[in-house]
Amino acid sequence: MTQSPFTLDADGLVLAVRLTPRASRTGLDGVRMEASGRPVLSLRVAAPPVEGAANAALTAFVAKSLGLRKAEVTLVSGETSRTKRLHLAGDPQALAARVEAWIN
């Protein structure tokens, strides 16, 4: 089994994402390994990386894909980086099951 691109915490989970902005379409490209060996979820959005547009598109896409409210998906780190960490609020086990189902 491959490693998961997320870690559970007390009030949800933290999802590691590698974002490609200005893609032809918004979508999920699966899980890949970074050079450091950490797994990340590879996503792409059509929005450009200008004035937070790509980050807003990312959080909206993740929220919609997992059936969460936009307010439950927050960018924790990586605002100007391609590698980002998102916090998903809710029951950690239920969120983990949703993420696993989405990426597999």
PDB file of N, CA and C in Angstrom:
ATOM      1  N   MET A   1       0.840  -1.193   0.000  1.00  0.00           N
ATOM      2  CA  MET A   1       0.000   0.000   0.000  1.00  0.00           C
ATOM      3  C   MET A   1       0.873   1.239   0.000  1.00  0.00           C
ATOM      4  N   THR A   2       0.470   2.240  -0.771  1.00  0.00           N
ATOM      5  CA  THR A   2       1.220   3.482  -0.786  1.00  0.00           C
ATOM      6  C   THR A   2       0.898   4.294   0.447  1.00  0.00           C
ATOM      7  N   GLN A   3       1.800   5.176   0.793  1.00  0.00           N
ATOM      8  CA  GLN A   3       1.564   6.049   1.923  1.00  0.00           C
ATOM      9  C   GLN A   3       0.467   7.048   1.582  1.00  0.00           C
ATOM     10  N   SER A   4      -0.216   7.527   2.599  1.00  0.00           N
ATOM     11  CA  SER A   4      -1.286   8.490   2.386  1.00  0.00           C
ATOM     12  C   SER A   4      -0.732   9.903   2.406  1.00  0.00           C
ATOM     13  N   PRO A   5      -1.309  10.797   1.572  1.00  0.00           N
ATOM     14  CA  PRO A   5      -0.839  12.178   1.520  1.00  0.00           C
ATOM     15  C   PRO A   5      -1.473  13.046   2.604  1.00  0.00           C
ATOM     16  N   PHE A   6      -1.951  12.421   3.690  1.00  0.00           N
ATOM     17  CA  PHE A   6      -2.564  13.196   4.759  1.00  0.00           C
ATOM     18  C   PHE A   6      -2.180  12.647   6.114  1.00  0.00           C
ATOM     19  N   THR A   7      -2.329  13.488   7.133  1.00  0.00           N
ATOM     20  CA  THR A   7      -2.126  13.076   8.513  1.00  0.00           C
ATOM     21  C   THR A   7      -3.345  13.514   9.306  1.00  0.00           C
ATOM     22  N   LEU A   8      -3.761  12.685  10.230  1.00  0.00           N
ATOM     23  CA  LEU A   8      -4.917  12.997  11.063  1.00  0.00           C
ATOM     24  C   LEU A   8      -4.495  13.895  12.211  1.00  0.00           C
ATOM     25  N   ASP A   9      -5.400  14.789  12.631  1.00  0.00           N
ATOM     26  CA  ASP A   9      -5.165  15.543  13.861  1.00  0.00           C
ATOM     27  C   ASP A   9      -6.470  15.560  14.651  1.00  0.00           C
ATOM     28  N   ALA A  10      -6.499  16.271  15.762  1.00  0.00           N
ATOM     29  CA  ALA A  10      -7.640  16.207  16.674  1.00  0.00           C
ATOM     30  C   ALA A  10      -8.955  16.657  16.044  1.00  0.00           C
ATOM     31  N   ASP A  11      -8.907  17.636  15.153  1.00  0.00           N
ATOM     32  CA  ASP A  11     -10.162  18.180  14.617  1.00  0.00           C
ATOM     33  C   ASP A  11     -10.260  18.074  13.098  1.00  0.00           C
ATOM     34  N   GLY A  12      -9.628  17.037  12.540  1.00  0.00           N
ATOM     35  CA  GLY A  12      -9.714  16.839  11.098  1.00  0.00           C
ATOM     36  C   GLY A  12      -8.478  16.163  10.564  1.00  0.00           C
ATOM     37  N   LEU A  13      -8.044  16.605   9.377  1.00  0.00           N
ATOM     38  CA  LEU A  13      -6.800  16.069   8.829  1.00  0.00           C
ATOM     39  C   LEU A  13      -6.093  17.133   8.005  1.00  0.00           C
ATOM     40  N   VAL A  14      -4.790  16.936   7.819  1.00  0.00           N
ATOM     41  CA  VAL A  14      -3.971  17.841   7.020  1.00  0.00           C
ATOM     42  C   VAL A  14      -3.582  17.095   5.752  1.00  0.00           C
ATOM     43  N   LEU A  15      -3.912  17.686   4.613  1.00  0.00           N
ATOM     44  CA  LEU A  15      -3.691  17.076   3.309  1.00  0.00           C
ATOM     45  C   LEU A  15      -2.531  17.780   2.604  1.00  0.00           C
ATOM     46  N   ALA A  16      -1.525  17.015   2.190  1.00  0.00           N
ATOM     47  CA  ALA A  16      -0.389  17.574   1.444  1.00  0.00           C
ATOM     48  C   ALA A  16      -0.743  17.550  -0.038  1.00  0.00           C
ATOM     49  N   VAL A  17      -0.593  18.699  -0.701  1.00  0.00           N
ATOM     50  CA  VAL A  17      -1.011  18.857  -2.093  1.00  0.00           C
ATOM     51  C   VAL A  17       0.114  19.453  -2.923  1.00  0.00           C
ATOM     52  N   ARG A  18       0.273  18.949  -4.140  1.00  0.00           N
ATOM     53  CA  ARG A  18       1.167  19.562  -5.133  1.00  0.00           C
ATOM     54  C   ARG A  18       0.231  20.139  -6.196  1.00  0.00           C
ATOM     55  N   LEU A  19       0.203  21.472  -6.300  1.00  0.00           N
ATOM     56  CA  LEU A  19      -0.754  22.146  -7.167  1.00  0.00           C
ATOM     57  C   LEU A  19      -0.124  22.623  -8.463  1.00  0.00           C
ATOM     58  N   THR A  20      -0.816  22.372  -9.566  1.00  0.00           N
ATOM     59  CA  THR A  20      -0.424  22.899 -10.870  1.00  0.00           C
ATOM     60  C   THR A  20      -1.492  23.892 -11.307  1.00  0.00           C
ATOM     61  N   PRO A  21      -1.174  25.195 -11.280  1.00  0.00           N
ATOM     62  CA  PRO A  21      -2.144  26.195 -11.728  1.00  0.00           C
ATOM     63  C   PRO A  21      -2.126  26.339 -13.250  1.00  0.00           C
ATOM     64  N   ARG A  22      -3.082  27.070 -13.784  1.00  0.00           N
ATOM     65  CA  ARG A  22      -3.201  27.329 -15.229  1.00  0.00           C
ATOM     66  C   ARG A  22      -3.274  26.048 -16.061  1.00  0.00           C
ATOM     67  N   ALA A  23      -3.908  25.025 -15.504  1.00  0.00           N
ATOM     68  CA  ALA A  23      -4.071  23.764 -16.244  1.00  0.00           C
ATOM     69  C   ALA A  23      -5.236  23.915 -17.219  1.00  0.00           C
ATOM     70  N   SER A  24      -5.314  23.005 -18.179  1.00  0.00           N
ATOM     71  CA  SER A  24      -6.402  23.067 -19.146  1.00  0.00           C
ATOM     72  C   SER A  24      -7.745  22.796 -18.469  1.00  0.00           C
ATOM     73  N   ARG A  25      -7.704  21.997 -17.389  1.00  0.00           N
ATOM     74  CA  ARG A  25      -8.926  21.752 -16.624  1.00  0.00           C
ATOM     75  C   ARG A  25      -8.556  21.431 -15.185  1.00  0.00           C
ATOM     76  N   THR A  26      -9.515  21.625 -14.299  1.00  0.00           N
ATOM     77  CA  THR A  26      -9.305  21.325 -12.893  1.00  0.00           C
ATOM     78  C   THR A  26      -9.495  19.821 -12.689  1.00  0.00           C
ATOM     79  N   GLY A  27      -8.588  19.196 -11.938  1.00  0.00           N
ATOM     80  CA  GLY A  27      -8.725  17.760 -11.731  1.00  0.00           C
ATOM     81  C   GLY A  27      -7.724  17.174 -10.764  1.00  0.00           C
ATOM     82  N   LEU A  28      -7.897  15.879 -10.534  1.00  0.00           N
ATOM     83  CA  LEU A  28      -7.059  15.095  -9.630  1.00  0.00           C
ATOM     84  C   LEU A  28      -6.126  14.229 -10.462  1.00  0.00           C
ATOM     85  N   ASP A  29      -4.826  14.288 -10.160  1.00  0.00           N
ATOM     86  CA  ASP A  29      -3.842  13.488 -10.902  1.00  0.00           C
ATOM     87  C   ASP A  29      -3.294  12.327 -10.085  1.00  0.00           C
ATOM     88  N   GLY A  30      -3.832  12.105  -8.898  1.00  0.00           N
ATOM     89  CA  GLY A  30      -3.387  10.987  -8.076  1.00  0.00           C
ATOM     90  C   GLY A  30      -2.336  11.369  -7.055  1.00  0.00           C
ATOM     91  N   VAL A  31      -1.736  10.358  -6.455  1.00  0.00           N
ATOM     92  CA  VAL A  31      -0.723  10.568  -5.417  1.00  0.00           C
ATOM     93  C   VAL A  31       0.649  10.345  -6.028  1.00  0.00           C
ATOM     94  N   ARG A  32       1.576  11.242  -5.736  1.00  0.00           N
ATOM     95  CA  ARG A  32       2.956  11.052  -6.191  1.00  0.00           C
ATOM     96  C   ARG A  32       3.903  11.332  -5.029  1.00  0.00           C
ATOM     97  N   MET A  33       5.124  10.879  -5.175  1.00  0.00           N
ATOM     98  CA  MET A  33       6.123  11.082  -4.130  1.00  0.00           C
ATOM     99  C   MET A  33       6.978  12.297  -4.462  1.00  0.00           C
ATOM    100  N   GLU A  34       7.223  13.122  -3.454  1.00  0.00           N
ATOM    101  CA  GLU A  34       8.138  14.248  -3.624  1.00  0.00           C
ATOM    102  C   GLU A  34       9.557  13.712  -3.536  1.00  0.00           C
ATOM    103  N   ALA A  35      10.509  14.550  -3.906  1.00  0.00           N
ATOM    104  CA  ALA A  35      11.919  14.153  -3.825  1.00  0.00           C
ATOM    105  C   ALA A  35      12.297  13.758  -2.398  1.00  0.00           C
ATOM    106  N   SER A  36      11.652  14.378  -1.417  1.00  0.00           N
ATOM    107  CA  SER A  36      11.933  14.077  -0.015  1.00  0.00           C
ATOM    108  C   SER A  36      11.365  12.724   0.416  1.00  0.00           C
ATOM    109  N   GLY A  37      10.537  12.107  -0.458  1.00  0.00           N
ATOM    110  CA  GLY A  37       9.946  10.832  -0.129  1.00  0.00           C
ATOM    111  C   GLY A  37       8.560  10.947   0.473  1.00  0.00           C
ATOM    112  N   ARG A  38       8.091  12.171   0.674  1.00  0.00           N
ATOM    113  CA  ARG A  38       6.747  12.374   1.229  1.00  0.00           C
ATOM    114  C   ARG A  38       5.696  12.255   0.130  1.00  0.00           C
ATOM    115  N   PRO A  39       4.586  11.576   0.405  1.00  0.00           N
ATOM    116  CA  PRO A  39       3.516  11.504  -0.590  1.00  0.00           C
ATOM    117  C   PRO A  39       2.710  12.795  -0.608  1.00  0.00           C
ATOM    118  N   VAL A  40       2.336  13.234  -1.797  1.00  0.00           N
ATOM    119  CA  VAL A  40       1.488  14.411  -1.952  1.00  0.00           C
ATOM    120  C   VAL A  40       0.391  14.089  -2.956  1.00  0.00           C
ATOM    121  N   LEU A  41      -0.753  14.749  -2.794  1.00  0.00           N
ATOM    122  CA  LEU A  41      -1.858  14.600  -3.724  1.00  0.00           C
ATOM    123  C   LEU A  41      -1.640  15.600  -4.847  1.00  0.00           C
ATOM    124  N   SER A  42      -1.549  15.111  -6.061  1.00  0.00           N
ATOM    125  CA  SER A  42      -1.295  15.972  -7.209  1.00  0.00           C
ATOM    126  C   SER A  42      -2.625  16.454  -7.794  1.00  0.00           C
ATOM    127  N   LEU A  43      -2.819  17.780  -7.753  1.00  0.00           N
ATOM    128  CA  LEU A  43      -4.043  18.385  -8.253  1.00  0.00           C
ATOM    129  C   LEU A  43      -3.700  19.486  -9.244  1.00  0.00           C
ATOM    130  N   ARG A  44      -4.659  19.790 -10.129  1.00  0.00           N
ATOM    131  CA  ARG A  44      -4.468  20.916 -11.036  1.00  0.00           C
ATOM    132  C   ARG A  44      -5.738  21.746 -11.062  1.00  0.00           C
ATOM    133  N   VAL A  45      -5.553  23.053 -11.245  1.00  0.00           N
ATOM    134  CA  VAL A  45      -6.689  23.968 -11.354  1.00  0.00           C
ATOM    135  C   VAL A  45      -6.497  24.846 -12.580  1.00  0.00           C
ATOM    136  N   ALA A  46      -7.607  25.279 -13.154  1.00  0.00           N
ATOM    137  CA  ALA A  46      -7.547  26.125 -14.337  1.00  0.00           C
ATOM    138  C   ALA A  46      -7.158  27.560 -13.986  1.00  0.00           C
ATOM    139  N   ALA A  47      -7.378  27.961 -12.747  1.00  0.00           N
ATOM    140  CA  ALA A  47      -7.112  29.336 -12.324  1.00  0.00           C
ATOM    141  C   ALA A  47      -5.616  29.644 -12.340  1.00  0.00           C
ATOM    142  N   PRO A  48      -5.267  30.910 -12.649  1.00  0.00           N
ATOM    143  CA  PRO A  48      -3.860  31.314 -12.621  1.00  0.00           C
ATOM    144  C   PRO A  48      -3.407  31.596 -11.185  1.00  0.00           C
ATOM    145  N   PRO A  49      -2.095  31.513 -10.935  1.00  0.00           N
ATOM    146  CA  PRO A  49      -1.589  31.776  -9.575  1.00  0.00           C
ATOM    147  C   PRO A  49      -1.449  33.275  -9.324  1.00  0.00           C
ATOM    148  N   VAL A  50      -2.552  34.011  -9.473  1.00  0.00           N
ATOM    149  CA  VAL A  50      -2.541  35.465  -9.327  1.00  0.00           C
ATOM    150  C   VAL A  50      -3.536  35.863  -8.239  1.00  0.00           C
ATOM    151  N   GLU A  51      -3.075  36.644  -7.275  1.00  0.00           N
ATOM    152  CA  GLU A  51      -3.921  37.175  -6.208  1.00  0.00           C
ATOM    153  C   GLU A  51      -4.747  36.099  -5.508  1.00  0.00           C
ATOM    154  N   GLY A  52      -4.153  34.929  -5.323  1.00  0.00           N
ATOM    155  CA  GLY A  52      -4.809  33.862  -4.578  1.00  0.00           C
ATOM    156  C   GLY A  52      -5.878  33.101  -5.355  1.00  0.00           C
ATOM    157  N   ALA A  53      -6.002  33.362  -6.664  1.00  0.00           N
ATOM    158  CA  ALA A  53      -7.052  32.697  -7.452  1.00  0.00           C
ATOM    159  C   ALA A  53      -6.867  31.181  -7.482  1.00  0.00           C
ATOM    160  N   ALA A  54      -5.639  30.722  -7.672  1.00  0.00           N
ATOM    161  CA  ALA A  54      -5.385  29.275  -7.719  1.00  0.00           C
ATOM    162  C   ALA A  54      -5.660  28.631  -6.359  1.00  0.00           C
ATOM    163  N   ASN A  55      -5.292  29.305  -5.279  1.00  0.00           N
ATOM    164  CA  ASN A  55      -5.558  28.761  -3.939  1.00  0.00           C
ATOM    165  C   ASN A  55      -7.055  28.685  -3.672  1.00  0.00           C
ATOM    166  N   ALA A  56      -7.801  29.716  -4.092  1.00  0.00           N
ATOM    167  CA  ALA A  56      -9.256  29.712  -3.908  1.00  0.00           C
ATOM    168  C   ALA A  56      -9.880  28.583  -4.720  1.00  0.00           C
ATOM    169  N   ALA A  57      -9.406  28.395  -5.953  1.00  0.00           N
ATOM    170  CA  ALA A  57      -9.925  27.310  -6.794  1.00  0.00           C
ATOM    171  C   ALA A  57      -9.589  25.956  -6.183  1.00  0.00           C
ATOM    172  N   LEU A  58      -8.395  25.841  -5.610  1.00  0.00           N
ATOM    173  CA  LEU A  58      -7.978  24.590  -4.968  1.00  0.00           C
ATOM    174  C   LEU A  58      -8.885  24.247  -3.797  1.00  0.00           C
ATOM    175  N   THR A  59      -9.088  25.183  -2.883  1.00  0.00           N
ATOM    176  CA  THR A  59      -9.915  24.885  -1.710  1.00  0.00           C
ATOM    177  C   THR A  59     -11.356  24.586  -2.122  1.00  0.00           C
ATOM    178  N   ALA A  60     -11.873  25.305  -3.123  1.00  0.00           N
ATOM    179  CA  ALA A  60     -13.240  25.058  -3.594  1.00  0.00           C
ATOM    180  C   ALA A  60     -13.353  23.665  -4.221  1.00  0.00           C
ATOM    181  N   PHE A  61     -12.354  23.279  -5.017  1.00  0.00           N
ATOM    182  CA  PHE A  61     -12.362  21.964  -5.672  1.00  0.00           C
ATOM    183  C   PHE A  61     -12.293  20.837  -4.647  1.00  0.00           C
ATOM    184  N   VAL A  62     -11.399  20.971  -3.674  1.00  0.00           N
ATOM    185  CA  VAL A  62     -11.263  19.937  -2.641  1.00  0.00           C
ATOM    186  C   VAL A  62     -12.555  19.836  -1.828  1.00  0.00           C
ATOM    187  N   ALA A  63     -13.130  20.974  -1.451  1.00  0.00           N
ATOM    188  CA  ALA A  63     -14.377  20.978  -0.675  1.00  0.00           C
ATOM    189  C   ALA A  63     -15.495  20.292  -1.456  1.00  0.00           C
ATOM    190  N   LYS A  64     -15.652  20.654  -2.722  1.00  0.00           N
ATOM    191  CA  LYS A  64     -16.715  20.066  -3.549  1.00  0.00           C
ATOM    192  C   LYS A  64     -16.491  18.567  -3.733  1.00  0.00           C
ATOM    193  N   SER A  65     -15.249  18.173  -3.990  1.00  0.00           N
ATOM    194  CA  SER A  65     -14.936  16.762  -4.234  1.00  0.00           C
ATOM    195  C   SER A  65     -15.198  15.882  -3.023  1.00  0.00           C
ATOM    196  N   LEU A  66     -15.025  16.456  -1.830  1.00  0.00           N
ATOM    197  CA  LEU A  66     -15.169  15.667  -0.608  1.00  0.00           C
ATOM    198  C   LEU A  66     -16.489  15.931   0.114  1.00  0.00           C
ATOM    199  N   GLY A  67     -17.352  16.747  -0.482  1.00  0.00           N
ATOM    200  CA  GLY A  67     -18.646  17.032   0.137  1.00  0.00           C
ATOM    201  C   GLY A  67     -18.548  17.868   1.390  1.00  0.00           C
ATOM    202  N   LEU A  68     -17.584  18.787   1.413  1.00  0.00           N
ATOM    203  CA  LEU A  68     -17.402  19.676   2.565  1.00  0.00           C
ATOM    204  C   LEU A  68     -17.819  21.092   2.196  1.00  0.00           C
ATOM    205  N   ARG A  69     -18.050  21.917   3.214  1.00  0.00           N
ATOM    206  CA  ARG A  69     -18.262  23.345   2.969  1.00  0.00           C
ATOM    207  C   ARG A  69     -16.907  23.988   2.718  1.00  0.00           C
ATOM    208  N   LYS A  70     -16.886  25.057   1.928  1.00  0.00           N
ATOM    209  CA  LYS A  70     -15.613  25.740   1.645  1.00  0.00           C
ATOM    210  C   LYS A  70     -14.924  26.190   2.926  1.00  0.00           C
ATOM    211  N   ALA A  71     -15.717  26.562   3.919  1.00  0.00           N
ATOM    212  CA  ALA A  71     -15.156  27.028   5.193  1.00  0.00           C
ATOM    213  C   ALA A  71     -14.429  25.915   5.950  1.00  0.00           C
ATOM    214  N   GLU A  72     -14.707  24.661   5.594  1.00  0.00           N
ATOM    215  CA  GLU A  72     -14.070  23.534   6.283  1.00  0.00           C
ATOM    216  C   GLU A  72     -12.727  23.155   5.663  1.00  0.00           C
ATOM    217  N   VAL A  73     -12.344  23.825   4.574  1.00  0.00           N
ATOM    218  CA  VAL A  73     -11.064  23.568   3.919  1.00  0.00           C
ATOM    219  C   VAL A  73     -10.243  24.858   3.985  1.00  0.00           C
ATOM    220  N   THR A  74      -9.145  24.820   4.720  1.00  0.00           N
ATOM    221  CA  THR A  74      -8.315  26.016   4.857  1.00  0.00           C
ATOM    222  C   THR A  74      -6.872  25.718   4.465  1.00  0.00           C
ATOM    223  N   LEU A  75      -6.239  26.707   3.858  1.00  0.00           N
ATOM    224  CA  LEU A  75      -4.833  26.601   3.470  1.00  0.00           C
ATOM    225  C   LEU A  75      -3.983  26.875   4.704  1.00  0.00           C
ATOM    226  N   VAL A  76      -3.190  25.873   5.109  1.00  0.00           N
ATOM    227  CA  VAL A  76      -2.370  25.993   6.312  1.00  0.00           C
ATOM    228  C   VAL A  76      -0.995  26.560   5.967  1.00  0.00           C
ATOM    229  N   SER A  77      -0.409  26.068   4.865  1.00  0.00           N
ATOM    230  CA  SER A  77       0.912  26.560   4.466  1.00  0.00           C
ATOM    231  C   SER A  77       1.087  26.397   2.962  1.00  0.00           C
ATOM    232  N   GLY A  78       2.048  27.141   2.409  1.00  0.00           N
ATOM    233  CA  GLY A  78       2.357  27.030   1.000  1.00  0.00           C
ATOM    234  C   GLY A  78       1.584  27.993   0.116  1.00  0.00           C
ATOM    235  N   GLU A  79       1.215  29.136   0.663  1.00  0.00           N
ATOM    236  CA  GLU A  79       0.397  30.086  -0.090  1.00  0.00           C
ATOM    237  C   GLU A  79       0.991  30.444  -1.444  1.00  0.00           C
ATOM    238  N   THR A  80       2.322  30.592  -1.499  1.00  0.00           N
ATOM    239  CA  THR A  80       2.963  30.953  -2.766  1.00  0.00           C
ATOM    240  C   THR A  80       3.802  29.821  -3.344  1.00  0.00           C
ATOM    241  N   SER A  81       3.673  28.637  -2.773  1.00  0.00           N
ATOM    242  CA  SER A  81       4.443  27.481  -3.215  1.00  0.00           C
ATOM    243  C   SER A  81       3.536  26.516  -3.976  1.00  0.00           C
ATOM    244  N   ARG A  82       4.128  25.651  -4.785  1.00  0.00           N
ATOM    245  CA  ARG A  82       3.321  24.616  -5.443  1.00  0.00           C
ATOM    246  C   ARG A  82       2.924  23.536  -4.450  1.00  0.00           C
ATOM    247  N   THR A  83       3.745  23.308  -3.438  1.00  0.00           N
ATOM    248  CA  THR A  83       3.433  22.315  -2.418  1.00  0.00           C
ATOM    249  C   THR A  83       2.705  23.011  -1.279  1.00  0.00           C
ATOM    250  N   LYS A  84       1.511  22.532  -0.989  1.00  0.00           N
ATOM    251  CA  LYS A  84       0.650  23.185  -0.007  1.00  0.00           C
ATOM    252  C   LYS A  84       0.138  22.178   1.003  1.00  0.00           C
ATOM    253  N   ARG A  85      -0.303  22.696   2.133  1.00  0.00           N
ATOM    254  CA  ARG A  85      -0.949  21.867   3.145  1.00  0.00           C
ATOM    255  C   ARG A  85      -2.320  22.452   3.424  1.00  0.00           C
ATOM    256  N   LEU A  86      -3.334  21.614   3.299  1.00  0.00           N
ATOM    257  CA  LEU A  86      -4.713  22.029   3.559  1.00  0.00           C
ATOM    258  C   LEU A  86      -5.215  21.338   4.813  1.00  0.00           C
ATOM    259  N   HIS A  87      -5.954  22.081   5.633  1.00  0.00           N
ATOM    260  CA  HIS A  87      -6.594  21.457   6.796  1.00  0.00           C
ATOM    261  C   HIS A  87      -8.066  21.259   6.470  1.00  0.00           C
ATOM    262  N   LEU A  88      -8.532  20.022   6.642  1.00  0.00           N
ATOM    263  CA  LEU A  88      -9.939  19.698   6.444  1.00  0.00           C
ATOM    264  C   LEU A  88     -10.551  19.500   7.820  1.00  0.00           C
ATOM    265  N   ALA A  89     -11.571  20.291   8.143  1.00  0.00           N
ATOM    266  CA  ALA A  89     -12.197  20.217   9.462  1.00  0.00           C
ATOM    267  C   ALA A  89     -13.303  19.180   9.481  1.00  0.00           C
ATOM    268  N   GLY A  90     -13.370  18.431  10.574  1.00  0.00           N
ATOM    269  CA  GLY A  90     -14.414  17.427  10.732  1.00  0.00           C
ATOM    270  C   GLY A  90     -13.881  16.213  11.466  1.00  0.00           C
ATOM    271  N   ASP A  91     -14.638  15.131  11.427  1.00  0.00           N
ATOM    272  CA  ASP A  91     -14.229  13.892  12.080  1.00  0.00           C
ATOM    273  C   ASP A  91     -13.049  13.287  11.320  1.00  0.00           C
ATOM    274  N   PRO A  92     -11.897  13.116  11.983  1.00  0.00           N
ATOM    275  CA  PRO A  92     -10.694  12.647  11.281  1.00  0.00           C
ATOM    276  C   PRO A  92     -10.874  11.320  10.550  1.00  0.00           C
ATOM    277  N   GLN A  93     -11.525  10.339  11.176  1.00  0.00           N
ATOM    278  CA  GLN A  93     -11.685   9.023  10.548  1.00  0.00           C
ATOM    279  C   GLN A  93     -12.610   9.089   9.329  1.00  0.00           C
ATOM    280  N   ALA A  94     -13.694   9.853   9.454  1.00  0.00           N
ATOM    281  CA  ALA A  94     -14.633   9.988   8.337  1.00  0.00           C
ATOM    282  C   ALA A  94     -13.963  10.719   7.173  1.00  0.00           C
ATOM    283  N   LEU A  95     -13.194  11.757   7.489  1.00  0.00           N
ATOM    284  CA  LEU A  95     -12.490  12.494   6.440  1.00  0.00           C
ATOM    285  C   LEU A  95     -11.458  11.611   5.755  1.00  0.00           C
ATOM    286  N   ALA A  96     -10.738  10.816   6.544  1.00  0.00           N
ATOM    287  CA  ALA A  96      -9.728   9.921   5.979  1.00  0.00           C
ATOM    288  C   ALA A  96     -10.381   8.945   5.007  1.00  0.00           C
ATOM    289  N   ALA A  97     -11.542   8.423   5.364  1.00  0.00           N
ATOM    290  CA  ALA A  97     -12.250   7.483   4.490  1.00  0.00           C
ATOM    291  C   ALA A  97     -12.678   8.181   3.192  1.00  0.00           C
ATOM    292  N   ARG A  98     -13.150   9.430   3.300  1.00  0.00           N
ATOM    293  CA  ARG A  98     -13.557  10.179   2.107  1.00  0.00           C
ATOM    294  C   ARG A  98     -12.376  10.451   1.185  1.00  0.00           C
ATOM    295  N   VAL A  99     -11.263  10.861   1.774  1.00  0.00           N
ATOM    296  CA  VAL A  99     -10.072  11.152   0.965  1.00  0.00           C
ATOM    297  C   VAL A  99      -9.571   9.885   0.287  1.00  0.00           C
ATOM    298  N   GLU A 100      -9.510   8.782   1.029  1.00  0.00           N
ATOM    299  CA  GLU A 100      -9.065   7.495   0.453  1.00  0.00           C
ATOM    300  C   GLU A 100      -9.947   7.091  -0.727  1.00  0.00           C
ATOM    301  N   ALA A 101     -11.257   7.238  -0.559  1.00  0.00           N
ATOM    302  CA  ALA A 101     -12.191   6.869  -1.629  1.00  0.00           C
ATOM    303  C   ALA A 101     -11.999   7.779  -2.847  1.00  0.00           C
ATOM    304  N   TRP A 102     -11.721   9.056  -2.601  1.00  0.00           N
ATOM    305  CA  TRP A 102     -11.547  10.022  -3.695  1.00  0.00           C
ATOM    306  C   TRP A 102     -10.289   9.732  -4.504  1.00  0.00           C
ATOM    307  N   ILE A 103      -9.198   9.390  -3.825  1.00  0.00           N
ATOM    308  CA  ILE A 103      -7.924   9.242  -4.535  1.00  0.00           C
ATOM    309  C   ILE A 103      -7.689   7.836  -5.071  1.00  0.00           C
ATOM    310  N   ASN A 104      -8.511   6.878  -4.687  1.00  0.00           N
ATOM    311  CA  ASN A 104      -8.314   5.504  -5.168  1.00  0.00           C
ATOM    312  C   ASN A 104      -9.322   5.104  -6.215  1.00  0.00           C
TER     313      ASN A 104
END
